[in-house]
Amino acid sequence: MQFRITYNEIQELINRKTGKSVPILYGGPHTVRISYDVNVLFKSTSVGLDITVDRINGGDIFLSYSGGAAIEMMVRTALGRFKGQPGAEMLEVLDGNRLLLSLSKSPQASQIFEKIELRDICFDEQYAILDFVPKL
């Protein structure tokens, strides 16, 4: 079974929750491209980032992102700002430009994972696609 959500729907959700505009574009079968405006030396600049779904293990989604030391520093800083916010406990920064999204740490998501097995997250030109099967 598949669940599809458009990039626009994701962008609107992010905007409603954070007040930030985060454009999302197709980057490949398991990759999306996002950009985010950051202030650097009193000037706003857009930073682009490719995020790839590497693997899924139950409710844990292992992600990697492109970029060197500067991008890694910006990602760590951005994620540091979310500490204490609802859902922040689900995201962990790993070594080597990798992230762990532990959906099982969310009470609502863990209830879902009791009923389904998430097999894949992939992307096409319009949609993020979650491929899953019901647990028997």
Protein backbone atom coordinates (compact mmCIF):
# COMPACT_ATOMS: atom_id res chain seq x y z
CA MET A 1 0.00 0.00 0.00
CA GLN A 2 1.10 3.55 -0.56
CA PHE A 3 0.41 6.90 1.01
CA ARG A 4 1.27 9.92 -1.12
CA ILE A 5 1.66 13.50 0.05
CA THR A 6 2.56 16.40 -2.21
CA TYR A 7 5.58 18.59 -1.57
CA ASN A 8 3.20 21.57 -1.33
CA GLU A 9 1.27 19.87 1.48
CA ILE A 10 4.52 19.23 3.36
CA GLN A 11 5.65 22.83 2.82
CA GLU A 12 2.32 24.16 4.10
CA LEU A 13 2.55 21.95 7.20
CA ILE A 14 6.08 23.17 7.93
CA ASN A 15 4.99 26.77 7.42
CA ARG A 16 1.99 26.37 9.77
CA LYS A 17 4.11 24.74 12.48
CA THR A 18 7.23 26.93 12.24
CA GLY A 19 6.29 30.05 10.28
CA LYS A 20 9.18 29.24 7.90
CA SER A 21 9.04 28.71 4.17
CA VAL A 22 11.05 25.61 3.23
CA PRO A 23 10.88 24.78 -0.50
CA ILE A 24 11.04 21.04 -1.24
CA LEU A 25 11.98 19.63 -4.65
CA TYR A 26 12.51 16.19 -6.15
CA GLY A 27 16.17 15.14 -6.01
CA GLY A 28 16.03 11.46 -6.96
CA PRO A 29 14.16 8.25 -6.10
CA HIS A 30 15.16 8.46 -2.41
CA THR A 31 16.27 12.10 -2.23
CA VAL A 32 14.58 15.47 -1.79
CA ARG A 33 16.19 18.87 -2.10
CA ILE A 34 15.31 21.53 0.42
CA SER A 35 16.49 25.09 0.83
CA TYR A 36 16.44 27.24 3.90
CA ASP A 37 17.23 30.91 4.39
CA VAL A 38 19.87 31.60 7.05
CA ASN A 39 21.37 34.84 8.27
CA VAL A 40 25.13 34.95 7.80
CA LEU A 41 27.02 38.09 8.74
CA PHE A 42 23.91 40.30 8.66
CA LYS A 43 22.92 38.94 5.26
CA SER A 44 20.28 36.36 4.41
CA THR A 45 21.39 33.56 2.14
CA SER A 46 19.69 30.40 0.91
CA VAL A 47 21.32 27.08 1.76
CA GLY A 48 20.45 24.03 -0.31
CA LEU A 49 20.55 20.54 1.05
CA ASP A 50 19.88 17.08 -0.41
CA ILE A 51 18.32 14.68 2.11
CA THR A 52 18.39 10.97 1.27
CA VAL A 53 16.47 8.14 2.92
CA ASP A 54 19.20 5.54 3.48
CA ARG A 55 17.25 2.82 5.26
CA ILE A 56 14.27 2.12 7.47
CA ASN A 57 14.28 -0.12 10.51
CA GLY A 58 10.85 -0.33 12.11
CA GLY A 59 10.02 3.21 13.25
CA ASP A 60 13.60 4.42 12.74
CA ILE A 61 14.40 6.26 9.53
CA PHE A 62 18.09 6.76 8.76
CA LEU A 63 18.77 9.84 6.65
CA SER A 64 21.90 11.37 5.15
CA TYR A 65 22.42 14.86 3.84
CA SER A 66 24.86 16.48 1.46
CA GLY A 67 27.41 19.06 2.41
CA GLY A 68 30.70 19.65 4.11
CA ALA A 69 31.66 20.95 7.54
CA ALA A 70 29.81 24.27 7.09
CA ILE A 71 26.54 22.53 6.19
CA GLU A 72 26.96 20.10 9.08
CA MET A 73 27.48 23.01 11.48
CA MET A 74 24.35 24.76 10.17
CA VAL A 75 22.28 21.55 10.47
CA ARG A 76 23.47 20.98 14.05
CA THR A 77 22.74 24.63 14.91
CA ALA A 78 19.27 24.49 13.36
CA LEU A 79 18.44 21.25 15.15
CA GLY A 80 19.79 22.68 18.40
CA ARG A 81 17.17 25.42 18.18
CA PHE A 82 14.43 22.79 18.18
CA LYS A 83 15.50 21.26 21.49
CA GLY A 84 12.64 21.36 23.94
CA GLN A 85 10.07 21.67 21.15
CA PRO A 86 7.47 18.95 20.62
CA GLY A 87 8.95 16.22 18.45
CA ALA A 88 12.57 17.27 18.97
CA GLU A 89 13.29 14.04 20.87
CA MET A 90 12.61 12.08 17.69
CA LEU A 91 15.58 13.56 15.77
CA GLU A 92 19.16 12.61 16.54
CA VAL A 93 22.29 13.86 14.77
CA LEU A 94 24.68 11.03 13.88
CA ASP A 95 28.26 11.21 12.61
CA GLY A 96 29.05 11.61 8.92
CA ASN A 97 26.21 13.91 7.83
CA ARG A 98 23.55 11.48 8.97
CA LEU A 99 20.35 11.84 10.99
CA LEU A 100 18.12 9.37 12.78
CA LEU A 101 14.40 10.09 12.82
CA SER A 102 12.90 7.83 15.51
CA LEU A 103 9.18 7.96 14.85
CA SER A 104 8.69 5.23 17.45
CA LYS A 105 9.43 7.88 20.13
CA SER A 106 6.14 9.57 19.27
CA PRO A 107 3.16 8.02 21.07
CA GLN A 108 0.94 8.67 18.05
CA ALA A 109 3.42 7.25 15.54
CA SER A 110 4.21 4.22 17.69
CA GLN A 111 0.52 3.31 17.64
CA ILE A 112 0.63 3.41 13.85
CA PHE A 113 3.76 1.23 13.73
CA GLU A 114 1.96 -1.38 15.82
CA LYS A 115 -0.41 -1.81 12.86
CA ILE A 116 1.83 -1.28 9.82
CA GLU A 117 5.36 -1.95 8.63
CA LEU A 118 6.96 0.94 6.77
CA ARG A 119 8.94 -0.59 3.91
CA ASP A 120 10.17 2.42 1.95
CA ILE A 121 10.03 6.17 1.53
CA CYS A 122 10.65 7.35 -1.99
CA PHE A 123 9.97 10.42 -4.08
CA ASP A 124 8.80 11.40 -7.55
CA GLU A 125 8.34 14.78 -9.22
CA GLN A 126 5.25 15.66 -7.12
CA TYR A 127 5.02 13.33 -4.15
CA ALA A 128 6.71 11.86 -1.13
CA ILE A 129 5.56 8.22 -1.18
CA LEU A 130 5.37 6.00 1.89
CA ASP A 131 5.21 2.32 1.03
CA PHE A 132 3.85 0.12 3.83
CA VAL A 133 2.11 -3.15 4.55
CA PRO A 134 -0.40 -3.91 7.31
CA LYS A 135 0.81 -6.17 10.12
CA LEU A 136 -1.28 -9.26 10.60
